[in-house]
Every structure is written in structure tokens, then in C-alpha cells.
Amino acid sequence: MTEASPILHPITHDDFLIAVQALARAVEADDWRPAMVVGIGRGGLVPAVYLSHRLNLPMLSVDYSSLSADAALVDVAARSAAGTDLLIVDDINDSGGTIAQLRARLTASGADAARLRFAVLLDNGRSGERVDYRADIIDRATDKRWFVFPWEALATQQAIVDEATSLPHRLA
């Protein structure tokens, strides 16, 4: 690898489980109770499944990277508008772009923002968006690691590097 290559930081399965437990405890310590967990694909799906089991809640998935995301987001918005409290889960809040887009698209679809909460495994303290629950916080001004979650472990190293370098603003 060259000097410009990202610093890959594998997260172990045990560390992932510790992070999910931390999220679950944070949700349980709050007065607000979700009725359902919503996993955001790709990165938020696995944490959402684990969290839904840990909290004993049903789960919906939204494949945010696909064209069918709009229909799923309309469904999520309708559920919140009907009074259902939803916990939306992603792997990382890095720049805040995904969460900002989700909030905007959900609001445009009629969501009740008071019924939505966001949870992530890793939260960049400098992100443009805030989340309600986090397992850990990082500072992208000093932390340039590219986090490799357990569900990404079977990807080739080149595929991981290619993804990381396609988002240089996260590593700059």
C-alpha cells in the first residue's frame, strides 16, 4: 500500500457486541421507548438485527443504497406519523450526510420527527448531524482510521481500500 492508503482498523466481533450492548443500555436508560428498530442498509442492518434481539423489538430494514429505499422510507414515515416510535440504526455517523438525507426524506414523506431517534456504533463528534445514542465517539480531526466492521470482513482488502478512497473527505 502507498502512503496515501487508508489506515484500516478492523473491529472485532467482541468489540461489536460490546458496542451493541452499550447502545441497548443507552436506549433502556432513556424515558423514550421505541416500538421498532429500523436498520439502514448496508452498514446499519447488522447492528439493527442485534439491537432488535437485545431489546426484544421487531425490526424493519431500509436498503438506503437501492432505488427501493423511497418506498421503505415512506413506510417508516407513515409509521411515525401514526404514532410509532422508531429507533433508526446505522453503523457510523461520519460526515452526517446519510443521517441528514434520511431526516430530510422522512420529513418530506410526512414523518413525525419527535417519534424518530437515531443510534450509531461510532459517532464523529464533528459531524454535521447529531444522533441520540452512540456506543463510541471519535474525532475525525485526529482519527483518520477507516473502520472495518465484522460484516465487512469477507470483502477483499482492495474492495475496502477502494471504498475508503472513494470518500476522501472522511479521511482528510
Protein backbone atom coordinates (compact mmCIF):
# COMPACT_ATOMS: atom_id res chain seq x y z
CA MET A 1 0.00 0.00 0.00
CA THR A 2 1.06 3.55 -0.60
CA GLU A 3 1.42 6.27 1.99
CA ALA A 4 -1.96 7.67 0.88
CA SER A 5 -3.70 4.38 1.61
CA PRO A 6 -6.26 4.47 4.41
CA ILE A 7 -5.45 3.09 7.83
CA LEU A 8 -7.73 0.07 8.06
CA HIS A 9 -8.98 -0.58 11.58
CA PRO A 10 -10.78 -3.92 11.98
CA ILE A 11 -13.44 -4.01 14.68
CA THR A 12 -13.60 -7.42 16.30
CA HIS A 13 -16.84 -9.29 16.77
CA ASP A 14 -16.39 -9.00 20.54
CA ASP A 15 -15.96 -5.22 20.29
CA PHE A 16 -19.05 -5.07 18.07
CA LEU A 17 -21.07 -6.96 20.71
CA ILE A 18 -19.82 -4.58 23.41
CA ALA A 19 -20.94 -1.63 21.24
CA VAL A 20 -24.41 -3.10 20.70
CA GLN A 21 -24.75 -3.67 24.46
CA ALA A 22 -23.74 -0.04 25.06
CA LEU A 23 -26.41 1.16 22.62
CA ALA A 24 -29.03 -1.06 24.23
CA ARG A 25 -28.18 0.23 27.70
CA ALA A 26 -28.37 3.84 26.48
CA VAL A 27 -31.82 3.24 24.97
CA GLU A 28 -33.01 1.44 28.11
CA ALA A 29 -31.76 4.28 30.34
CA ASP A 30 -33.87 6.80 28.41
CA ASP A 31 -37.53 7.56 29.17
CA TRP A 32 -38.30 7.19 25.44
CA ARG A 33 -39.11 3.64 24.26
CA PRO A 34 -39.04 2.60 20.61
CA ALA A 35 -41.65 0.20 19.32
CA MET A 36 -39.42 -0.89 16.46
CA VAL A 37 -35.83 -0.81 15.22
CA VAL A 38 -35.11 0.38 11.66
CA GLY A 39 -31.82 -0.77 10.13
CA ILE A 40 -30.27 1.37 7.42
CA GLY A 41 -28.51 -0.68 4.73
CA ARG A 42 -25.89 -1.61 4.25
CA GLY A 43 -23.95 -0.69 7.38
CA GLY A 44 -26.80 -0.38 9.85
CA LEU A 45 -28.54 -3.67 9.07
CA VAL A 46 -26.38 -5.99 11.16
CA PRO A 47 -26.25 -3.71 14.22
CA ALA A 48 -30.03 -3.24 13.94
CA VAL A 49 -30.65 -7.00 13.91
CA TYR A 50 -28.51 -7.48 17.02
CA LEU A 51 -30.09 -4.49 18.74
CA SER A 52 -33.61 -5.66 17.90
CA HIS A 53 -32.86 -9.02 19.51
CA ARG A 54 -31.20 -7.41 22.53
CA LEU A 55 -34.14 -5.01 23.04
CA ASN A 56 -36.71 -7.65 22.05
CA LEU A 57 -38.21 -5.40 19.38
CA PRO A 58 -39.31 -6.05 15.80
CA MET A 59 -37.14 -4.68 13.01
CA LEU A 60 -37.60 -3.09 9.62
CA SER A 61 -34.82 -2.69 7.09
CA VAL A 62 -34.27 0.11 4.62
CA ASP A 63 -31.74 -0.55 1.90
CA TYR A 64 -30.70 3.07 1.59
CA SER A 65 -28.34 2.26 -1.27
CA SER A 66 -31.11 0.97 -3.54
CA LEU A 67 -33.83 2.56 -5.61
CA SER A 68 -36.47 0.87 -3.43
CA ALA A 69 -35.43 2.97 -0.44
CA ASP A 70 -38.07 5.60 -1.18
CA ALA A 71 -40.97 3.17 -0.66
CA ALA A 72 -39.42 1.86 2.56
CA LEU A 73 -38.82 5.40 3.83
CA VAL A 74 -42.44 6.33 3.07
CA ASP A 75 -43.48 3.31 5.17
CA VAL A 76 -41.18 4.40 8.04
CA ALA A 77 -42.53 7.96 7.82
CA ALA A 78 -46.13 6.70 7.86
CA ARG A 79 -45.46 4.56 10.92
CA SER A 80 -44.03 7.54 12.81
CA ALA A 81 -46.91 9.78 11.68
CA ALA A 82 -49.31 7.13 13.02
CA GLY A 83 -47.66 7.34 16.45
CA THR A 84 -45.00 4.62 16.36
CA ASP A 85 -41.66 5.45 17.99
CA LEU A 86 -38.80 4.21 15.79
CA LEU A 87 -35.11 3.73 16.52
CA ILE A 88 -33.10 4.20 13.31
CA VAL A 89 -29.73 2.44 13.36
CA ASP A 90 -26.63 2.93 11.22
CA ASP A 91 -23.02 1.87 11.69
CA ILE A 92 -21.32 5.29 11.72
CA ASN A 93 -22.28 8.94 11.75
CA ASP A 94 -19.22 10.25 9.97
CA SER A 95 -19.92 13.41 7.97
CA GLY A 96 -23.62 13.31 8.84
CA GLY A 97 -24.63 13.11 5.20
CA THR A 98 -26.62 9.89 5.45
CA ILE A 99 -28.48 10.95 8.58
CA ALA A 100 -29.22 14.41 7.16
CA GLN A 101 -30.60 12.85 3.96
CA LEU A 102 -32.66 10.35 5.94
CA ARG A 103 -34.13 13.08 8.13
CA ALA A 104 -34.95 15.24 5.10
CA ARG A 105 -36.52 12.38 3.14
CA LEU A 106 -38.52 11.17 6.15
CA THR A 107 -39.77 14.70 6.88
CA ALA A 108 -40.71 15.18 3.23
CA SER A 109 -42.68 11.92 3.46
CA GLY A 110 -44.66 13.13 6.48
CA ALA A 111 -42.67 11.62 9.36
CA ASP A 112 -43.21 12.87 12.90
CA ALA A 113 -39.64 13.81 13.86
CA ALA A 114 -40.50 13.56 17.58
CA ARG A 115 -41.10 9.83 17.07
CA LEU A 116 -37.67 9.17 15.49
CA ARG A 117 -34.39 8.60 17.26
CA PHE A 118 -31.01 7.73 15.72
CA ALA A 119 -28.37 5.34 17.04
CA VAL A 120 -24.89 4.54 15.70
CA LEU A 121 -21.96 2.43 16.75
CA LEU A 122 -19.48 5.23 16.02
CA ASP A 123 -20.24 8.93 16.14
CA ASN A 124 -17.92 11.58 14.75
CA GLY A 125 -18.15 14.42 17.25
CA ARG A 126 -17.53 16.86 14.40
CA SER A 127 -20.37 15.51 12.26
CA GLY A 128 -22.89 17.96 10.91
CA GLU A 129 -25.69 15.81 12.39
CA ARG A 130 -26.37 14.73 15.94
CA VAL A 131 -27.54 11.29 16.97
CA ASP A 132 -29.45 10.30 20.09
CA TYR A 133 -27.42 7.21 21.01
CA ARG A 134 -23.86 6.17 20.30
CA ALA A 135 -21.62 3.38 21.50
CA ASP A 136 -18.42 5.37 20.96
CA ILE A 137 -17.37 8.80 19.77
CA ILE A 138 -14.44 9.68 17.52
CA ASP A 139 -12.94 12.96 16.35
CA ARG A 140 -12.26 12.96 12.61
CA ALA A 141 -9.89 15.91 13.04
CA THR A 142 -7.41 13.48 14.59
CA ASP A 143 -8.79 9.99 13.92
CA LYS A 144 -8.28 9.04 10.27
CA ARG A 145 -8.85 5.29 10.62
CA TRP A 146 -11.18 3.51 8.23
CA PHE A 147 -13.28 1.25 10.42
CA VAL A 148 -13.84 -2.27 9.09
CA PHE A 149 -16.86 -3.80 10.78
CA PRO A 150 -17.18 -7.59 11.23
CA TRP A 151 -19.78 -7.90 8.43
CA GLU A 152 -17.27 -6.36 6.01
CA ALA A 153 -14.53 -8.85 6.92
CA LEU A 154 -15.11 -11.09 3.90
CA ALA A 155 -14.61 -8.26 1.42
CA THR A 156 -11.21 -8.16 -0.19
CA GLN A 157 -8.76 -5.67 1.23
CA GLN A 158 -8.71 -3.94 -2.15
CA ALA A 159 -12.51 -3.52 -2.08
CA ILE A 160 -12.29 -1.97 1.39
CA VAL A 161 -9.47 0.36 0.31
CA ASP A 162 -11.41 1.31 -2.83
CA GLU A 163 -14.46 2.21 -0.77
CA ALA A 164 -12.38 4.23 1.68
CA THR A 165 -10.57 6.15 -1.02
CA SER A 166 -13.87 6.88 -2.79
CA LEU A 167 -14.78 9.01 0.25
CA PRO A 168 -11.64 11.11 0.78
CA HIS A 169 -13.46 13.74 2.84
CA ARG A 170 -13.78 11.15 5.61
CA LEU A 171 -10.05 10.58 5.73
CA ALA A 172 -8.69 14.10 5.09
